[in-house]
């Protein structure tokens, strides 16, 4: 089976807007989190205005801070992410990674970061997979944990076939490895139109 890397997913053709908007289901607001606040802090107050203008309605009305109590259409995550990349990161999806690591680290705080390190990469990645149904209204995830390797299969929604979403999953996996103090690698596998797998390894 062909492995999908961060570079290959970043180079893959994006879905057109109509196809993205047709993806069914909702996700919790913390899939986007403090997205607008982080933009303004990092790029200045005009950055949020630029991104809102680019995404247009209805996504331009999204609150700058979303939490687990909020529900938004799953396509909002993709539309906003791609707009940020195109407006502020030169169109290179790979440039998101260090920003996501920084924002995740800041969002967790010292106590939770210490817990992540205590649990270790394997248990943290398994817990993240178990939480997919809490984050997304549709789809399932199962984790296979081995020594210094975790494979997560995600199935059941067209969202899991989107290349930008797949790339975000590899970023999330690498971020958790880094925060757990065990930097490693993350690759993906195409399991079909509505399924995807991430494979994390570390030494």
C-alpha atoms as a PDB file:
ATOM      1  CA  UNK A   1       0.000   0.000   0.000  1.00  0.00           C
ATOM      2  CA  UNK A   2       1.305   3.463  -0.904  1.00  0.00           C
ATOM      3  CA  UNK A   3       2.251   5.599   2.044  1.00  0.00           C
ATOM      4  CA  UNK A   4       1.161   9.219   2.126  1.00  0.00           C
ATOM      5  CA  UNK A   5       3.628  11.676   3.610  1.00  0.00           C
ATOM      6  CA  UNK A   6       3.200  15.280   4.657  1.00  0.00           C
ATOM      7  CA  UNK A   7       4.886  16.367   1.434  1.00  0.00           C
ATOM      8  CA  UNK A   8       2.705  14.227  -0.828  1.00  0.00           C
ATOM      9  CA  UNK A   9      -0.513  15.350   0.875  1.00  0.00           C
ATOM     10  CA  UNK A  10       0.555  18.996   0.758  1.00  0.00           C
ATOM     11  CA  UNK A  11       1.140  18.643  -2.986  1.00  0.00           C
ATOM     12  CA  UNK A  12      -2.156  16.868  -3.664  1.00  0.00           C
ATOM     13  CA  UNK A  13      -4.843  18.831  -5.490  1.00  0.00           C
ATOM     14  CA  UNK A  14      -7.327  20.391  -3.121  1.00  0.00           C
ATOM     15  CA  UNK A  15     -11.028  19.737  -3.379  1.00  0.00           C
ATOM     16  CA  UNK A  16     -13.112  22.464  -4.952  1.00  0.00           C
ATOM     17  CA  UNK A  17     -15.406  24.473  -2.710  1.00  0.00           C
ATOM     18  CA  UNK A  18     -18.624  22.742  -3.737  1.00  0.00           C
ATOM     19  CA  UNK A  19     -17.177  19.336  -2.883  1.00  0.00           C
ATOM     20  CA  UNK A  20     -15.978  20.564   0.509  1.00  0.00           C
ATOM     21  CA  UNK A  21     -19.338  22.132   1.341  1.00  0.00           C
ATOM     22  CA  UNK A  22     -21.057  18.859   0.487  1.00  0.00           C
ATOM     23  CA  UNK A  23     -19.243  16.974   3.276  1.00  0.00           C
ATOM     24  CA  UNK A  24     -21.906  16.012   5.836  1.00  0.00           C
ATOM     25  CA  UNK A  25     -21.734  16.298   9.578  1.00  0.00           C
ATOM     26  CA  UNK A  26     -20.494  18.611  12.291  1.00  0.00           C
ATOM     27  CA  UNK A  27     -17.430  18.898  14.491  1.00  0.00           C
ATOM     28  CA  UNK A  28     -16.915  20.488  17.872  1.00  0.00           C
ATOM     29  CA  UNK A  29     -15.532  23.976  17.984  1.00  0.00           C
ATOM     30  CA  UNK A  30     -12.241  22.933  19.510  1.00  0.00           C
ATOM     31  CA  UNK A  31     -11.271  21.502  16.106  1.00  0.00           C
ATOM     32  CA  UNK A  32     -10.633  25.185  15.340  1.00  0.00           C
ATOM     33  CA  UNK A  33     -10.178  26.443  18.885  1.00  0.00           C
ATOM     34  CA  UNK A  34      -8.825  29.962  19.319  1.00  0.00           C
ATOM     35  CA  UNK A  35      -8.184  30.265  15.599  1.00  0.00           C
ATOM     36  CA  UNK A  36      -9.055  33.949  15.183  1.00  0.00           C
ATOM     37  CA  UNK A  37      -7.386  35.030  18.386  1.00  0.00           C
ATOM     38  CA  UNK A  38      -4.213  33.178  17.408  1.00  0.00           C
ATOM     39  CA  UNK A  39      -4.231  34.811  13.964  1.00  0.00           C
ATOM     40  CA  UNK A  40      -4.494  38.302  15.413  1.00  0.00           C
ATOM     41  CA  UNK A  41      -1.759  37.605  17.953  1.00  0.00           C
ATOM     42  CA  UNK A  42       0.595  36.142  15.383  1.00  0.00           C
ATOM     43  CA  UNK A  43      -0.065  38.217  12.260  1.00  0.00           C
ATOM     44  CA  UNK A  44      -1.806  41.353  13.507  1.00  0.00           C
ATOM     45  CA  UNK A  45      -5.382  42.524  13.671  1.00  0.00           C
ATOM     46  CA  UNK A  46      -5.855  42.685   9.912  1.00  0.00           C
ATOM     47  CA  UNK A  47      -5.129  38.970   9.500  1.00  0.00           C
ATOM     48  CA  UNK A  48      -8.505  37.927  10.831  1.00  0.00           C
ATOM     49  CA  UNK A  49     -10.259  40.382   8.521  1.00  0.00           C
ATOM     50  CA  UNK A  50      -8.349  39.013   5.529  1.00  0.00           C
ATOM     51  CA  UNK A  51      -9.282  35.431   6.323  1.00  0.00           C
ATOM     52  CA  UNK A  52     -12.926  36.290   6.958  1.00  0.00           C
ATOM     53  CA  UNK A  53     -13.079  38.110   3.628  1.00  0.00           C
ATOM     54  CA  UNK A  54     -11.545  35.148   1.826  1.00  0.00           C
ATOM     55  CA  UNK A  55     -13.859  32.502   3.266  1.00  0.00           C
ATOM     56  CA  UNK A  56     -17.007  34.563   2.753  1.00  0.00           C
ATOM     57  CA  UNK A  57     -20.435  33.641   4.131  1.00  0.00           C
ATOM     58  CA  UNK A  58     -21.352  31.675   6.100  1.00  0.00           C
ATOM     59  CA  UNK A  59     -17.869  30.965   7.451  1.00  0.00           C
ATOM     60  CA  UNK A  60     -16.995  34.646   7.878  1.00  0.00           C
ATOM     61  CA  UNK A  61     -19.403  34.731  10.828  1.00  0.00           C
ATOM     62  CA  UNK A  62     -17.534  32.060  12.816  1.00  0.00           C
ATOM     63  CA  UNK A  63     -16.528  33.292  16.287  1.00  0.00           C
ATOM     64  CA  UNK A  64     -12.805  33.953  16.674  1.00  0.00           C
ATOM     65  CA  UNK A  65     -12.765  31.546  19.621  1.00  0.00           C
ATOM     66  CA  UNK A  66     -14.599  28.219  19.561  1.00  0.00           C
ATOM     67  CA  UNK A  67     -14.806  25.628  22.320  1.00  0.00           C
ATOM     68  CA  UNK A  68     -15.949  22.052  22.859  1.00  0.00           C
ATOM     69  CA  UNK A  69     -19.402  23.406  23.664  1.00  0.00           C
ATOM     70  CA  UNK A  70     -19.788  24.697  20.096  1.00  0.00           C
ATOM     71  CA  UNK A  71     -20.773  22.691  17.020  1.00  0.00           C
ATOM     72  CA  UNK A  72     -19.853  23.819  13.494  1.00  0.00           C
ATOM     73  CA  UNK A  73     -20.120  22.137  10.069  1.00  0.00           C
ATOM     74  CA  UNK A  74     -17.082  19.954   9.424  1.00  0.00           C
ATOM     75  CA  UNK A  75     -16.356  21.863   6.231  1.00  0.00           C
ATOM     76  CA  UNK A  76     -15.658  24.975   8.334  1.00  0.00           C
ATOM     77  CA  UNK A  77     -12.416  23.394   9.554  1.00  0.00           C
ATOM     78  CA  UNK A  78     -11.230  22.865   5.986  1.00  0.00           C
ATOM     79  CA  UNK A  79     -12.383  26.196   4.560  1.00  0.00           C
ATOM     80  CA  UNK A  80     -10.804  28.219   7.371  1.00  0.00           C
ATOM     81  CA  UNK A  81      -7.565  26.211   7.365  1.00  0.00           C
ATOM     82  CA  UNK A  82      -7.040  26.594   3.627  1.00  0.00           C
ATOM     83  CA  UNK A  83      -7.881  30.311   3.777  1.00  0.00           C
ATOM     84  CA  UNK A  84      -5.280  30.865   6.510  1.00  0.00           C
ATOM     85  CA  UNK A  85      -2.672  29.043   4.455  1.00  0.00           C
ATOM     86  CA  UNK A  86      -3.440  30.958   1.263  1.00  0.00           C
ATOM     87  CA  UNK A  87      -3.726  34.396   2.855  1.00  0.00           C
ATOM     88  CA  UNK A  88      -0.916  34.242   5.387  1.00  0.00           C
ATOM     89  CA  UNK A  89       1.405  31.294   4.666  1.00  0.00           C
ATOM     90  CA  UNK A  90       2.072  31.625   0.972  1.00  0.00           C
ATOM     91  CA  UNK A  91      -0.203  28.745   0.036  1.00  0.00           C
ATOM     92  CA  UNK A  92       2.069  26.107   1.614  1.00  0.00           C
ATOM     93  CA  UNK A  93       0.082  23.823   3.917  1.00  0.00           C
ATOM     94  CA  UNK A  94       3.310  22.529   5.442  1.00  0.00           C
ATOM     95  CA  UNK A  95       3.916  25.941   6.999  1.00  0.00           C
ATOM     96  CA  UNK A  96       1.022  25.249   9.367  1.00  0.00           C
ATOM     97  CA  UNK A  97       2.883  22.639  11.368  1.00  0.00           C
ATOM     98  CA  UNK A  98       5.059  24.813  13.637  1.00  0.00           C
ATOM     99  CA  UNK A  99       2.093  27.089  14.313  1.00  0.00           C
ATOM    100  CA  UNK A 100      -0.060  24.132  15.338  1.00  0.00           C
ATOM    101  CA  UNK A 101       2.640  22.829  17.664  1.00  0.00           C
ATOM    102  CA  UNK A 102       2.971  26.238  19.297  1.00  0.00           C
ATOM    103  CA  UNK A 103      -0.792  26.706  19.675  1.00  0.00           C
ATOM    104  CA  UNK A 104      -1.334  23.187  21.011  1.00  0.00           C
ATOM    105  CA  UNK A 105       1.449  23.597  23.550  1.00  0.00           C
ATOM    106  CA  UNK A 106       0.027  26.926  24.711  1.00  0.00           C
ATOM    107  CA  UNK A 107      -3.509  25.559  24.856  1.00  0.00           C
ATOM    108  CA  UNK A 108      -2.610  22.574  27.008  1.00  0.00           C
ATOM    109  CA  UNK A 109      -0.738  24.382  29.744  1.00  0.00           C
ATOM    110  CA  UNK A 110       1.951  22.996  32.051  1.00  0.00           C
ATOM    111  CA  UNK A 111      -0.112  20.429  33.942  1.00  0.00           C
ATOM    112  CA  UNK A 112      -1.592  18.807  30.848  1.00  0.00           C
ATOM    113  CA  UNK A 113       1.773  18.864  29.081  1.00  0.00           C
ATOM    114  CA  UNK A 114       3.288  17.033  32.033  1.00  0.00           C
ATOM    115  CA  UNK A 115       0.463  14.477  31.852  1.00  0.00           C
ATOM    116  CA  UNK A 116       1.116  13.905  28.143  1.00  0.00           C
ATOM    117  CA  UNK A 117       4.767  13.184  28.878  1.00  0.00           C
ATOM    118  CA  UNK A 118       3.848  10.876  31.754  1.00  0.00           C
ATOM    119  CA  UNK A 119       1.391   8.871  29.674  1.00  0.00           C
ATOM    120  CA  UNK A 120       3.803   8.510  26.767  1.00  0.00           C
ATOM    121  CA  UNK A 121       3.220   8.574  23.035  1.00  0.00           C
ATOM    122  CA  UNK A 122       1.400   5.260  22.697  1.00  0.00           C
ATOM    123  CA  UNK A 123      -1.305   5.939  25.267  1.00  0.00           C
ATOM    124  CA  UNK A 124      -1.726   9.565  24.194  1.00  0.00           C
ATOM    125  CA  UNK A 125      -2.260   8.599  20.552  1.00  0.00           C
ATOM    126  CA  UNK A 126      -4.685   5.839  21.549  1.00  0.00           C
ATOM    127  CA  UNK A 127      -6.673   8.295  23.666  1.00  0.00           C
ATOM    128  CA  UNK A 128      -6.762  10.771  20.793  1.00  0.00           C
ATOM    129  CA  UNK A 129      -8.203   8.085  18.528  1.00  0.00           C
ATOM    130  CA  UNK A 130     -10.828   7.175  21.125  1.00  0.00           C
ATOM    131  CA  UNK A 131     -11.867  10.837  21.233  1.00  0.00           C
ATOM    132  CA  UNK A 132     -12.649  11.110  17.521  1.00  0.00           C
ATOM    133  CA  UNK A 133     -16.354  10.467  18.106  1.00  0.00           C
ATOM    134  CA  UNK A 134     -16.376  13.249  20.692  1.00  0.00           C
ATOM    135  CA  UNK A 135     -14.848  15.653  18.181  1.00  0.00           C
ATOM    136  CA  UNK A 136     -16.656  14.617  14.989  1.00  0.00           C
ATOM    137  CA  UNK A 137     -20.317  13.770  14.598  1.00  0.00           C
ATOM    138  CA  UNK A 138     -19.590  11.078  12.002  1.00  0.00           C
ATOM    139  CA  UNK A 139     -16.899   8.465  11.545  1.00  0.00           C
ATOM    140  CA  UNK A 140     -15.036   6.033  13.755  1.00  0.00           C
ATOM    141  CA  UNK A 141     -11.423   5.484  14.773  1.00  0.00           C
ATOM    142  CA  UNK A 142      -9.640   2.389  16.026  1.00  0.00           C
ATOM    143  CA  UNK A 143      -6.081   2.291  17.315  1.00  0.00           C
ATOM    144  CA  UNK A 144      -3.621  -0.584  17.174  1.00  0.00           C
ATOM    145  CA  UNK A 145      -0.855   0.044  19.698  1.00  0.00           C
ATOM    146  CA  UNK A 146       2.453  -1.790  19.462  1.00  0.00           C
ATOM    147  CA  UNK A 147       5.867  -1.070  20.870  1.00  0.00           C
ATOM    148  CA  UNK A 148       6.869   2.366  19.556  1.00  0.00           C
ATOM    149  CA  UNK A 149       4.212   2.230  16.851  1.00  0.00           C
ATOM    150  CA  UNK A 150       0.538   3.226  16.703  1.00  0.00           C
ATOM    151  CA  UNK A 151      -1.726   2.712  13.712  1.00  0.00           C
ATOM    152  CA  UNK A 152      -5.077   4.502  13.713  1.00  0.00           C
ATOM    153  CA  UNK A 153      -7.782   3.655  11.176  1.00  0.00           C
ATOM    154  CA  UNK A 154     -10.437   6.305  10.535  1.00  0.00           C
ATOM    155  CA  UNK A 155     -13.548   5.259   8.623  1.00  0.00           C
ATOM    156  CA  UNK A 156     -17.065   6.282   7.811  1.00  0.00           C
ATOM    157  CA  UNK A 157     -17.251   9.802   6.370  1.00  0.00           C
ATOM    158  CA  UNK A 158     -16.101  11.578   3.179  1.00  0.00           C
ATOM    159  CA  UNK A 159     -14.229  14.004   5.436  1.00  0.00           C
ATOM    160  CA  UNK A 160     -11.614  11.296   5.959  1.00  0.00           C
ATOM    161  CA  UNK A 161     -10.847  11.320   2.232  1.00  0.00           C
ATOM    162  CA  UNK A 162     -10.051  15.026   2.047  1.00  0.00           C
ATOM    163  CA  UNK A 163      -6.303  15.642   1.546  1.00  0.00           C
ATOM    164  CA  UNK A 164      -6.184  18.754   3.738  1.00  0.00           C
ATOM    165  CA  UNK A 165      -7.935  16.939   6.581  1.00  0.00           C
ATOM    166  CA  UNK A 166      -5.584  13.989   6.161  1.00  0.00           C
ATOM    167  CA  UNK A 167      -2.610  16.312   6.365  1.00  0.00           C
ATOM    168  CA  UNK A 168      -3.981  17.845   9.562  1.00  0.00           C
ATOM    169  CA  UNK A 169      -4.125  14.353  11.069  1.00  0.00           C
ATOM    170  CA  UNK A 170      -0.453  13.763  10.309  1.00  0.00           C
ATOM    171  CA  UNK A 171       0.344  17.151  11.844  1.00  0.00           C
ATOM    172  CA  UNK A 172      -1.691  16.262  14.941  1.00  0.00           C
ATOM    173  CA  UNK A 173       0.082  12.923  15.257  1.00  0.00           C
ATOM    174  CA  UNK A 174       3.534  14.506  14.970  1.00  0.00           C
ATOM    175  CA  UNK A 175       2.535  17.191  17.441  1.00  0.00           C
ATOM    176  CA  UNK A 176       1.484  14.633  20.049  1.00  0.00           C
ATOM    177  CA  UNK A 177       4.733  12.730  19.529  1.00  0.00           C
ATOM    178  CA  UNK A 178       6.693  15.916  20.085  1.00  0.00           C
ATOM    179  CA  UNK A 179       4.734  16.951  23.159  1.00  0.00           C
ATOM    180  CA  UNK A 180       5.142  13.464  24.608  1.00  0.00           C
ATOM    181  CA  UNK A 181       8.910  13.937  24.377  1.00  0.00           C
ATOM    182  CA  UNK A 182       9.339  11.235  21.741  1.00  0.00           C
ATOM    183  CA  UNK A 183       9.707  12.923  18.353  1.00  0.00           C
ATOM    184  CA  UNK A 184       9.122  10.490  15.532  1.00  0.00           C
ATOM    185  CA  UNK A 185       7.468  10.183  12.151  1.00  0.00           C
ATOM    186  CA  UNK A 186       3.891  10.066  10.915  1.00  0.00           C
ATOM    187  CA  UNK A 187       2.693   8.757   7.570  1.00  0.00           C
ATOM    188  CA  UNK A 188      -0.727   7.939   6.187  1.00  0.00           C
ATOM    189  CA  UNK A 189      -2.441   5.254   4.132  1.00  0.00           C
ATOM    190  CA  UNK A 190      -5.323   5.757   1.719  1.00  0.00           C
ATOM    191  CA  UNK A 191      -7.998   3.235   2.677  1.00  0.00           C
ATOM    192  CA  UNK A 192     -10.661   4.493   0.290  1.00  0.00           C
ATOM    193  CA  UNK A 193     -12.902   7.469  -0.351  1.00  0.00           C
ATOM    194  CA  UNK A 194     -14.068   7.698   3.247  1.00  0.00           C
ATOM    195  CA  UNK A 195     -11.210   6.073   5.147  1.00  0.00           C
ATOM    196  CA  UNK A 196      -7.655   6.881   6.131  1.00  0.00           C
ATOM    197  CA  UNK A 197      -4.966   5.517   8.437  1.00  0.00           C
ATOM    198  CA  UNK A 198      -2.179   7.255  10.302  1.00  0.00           C
ATOM    199  CA  UNK A 199       0.943   5.370  11.353  1.00  0.00           C
ATOM    200  CA  UNK A 200       3.163   6.863  14.034  1.00  0.00           C
ATOM    201  CA  UNK A 201       6.603   5.459  14.868  1.00  0.00           C
ATOM    202  CA  UNK A 202       9.269   6.648  17.256  1.00  0.00           C
ATOM    203  CA  UNK A 203      12.536   5.421  18.715  1.00  0.00           C
END
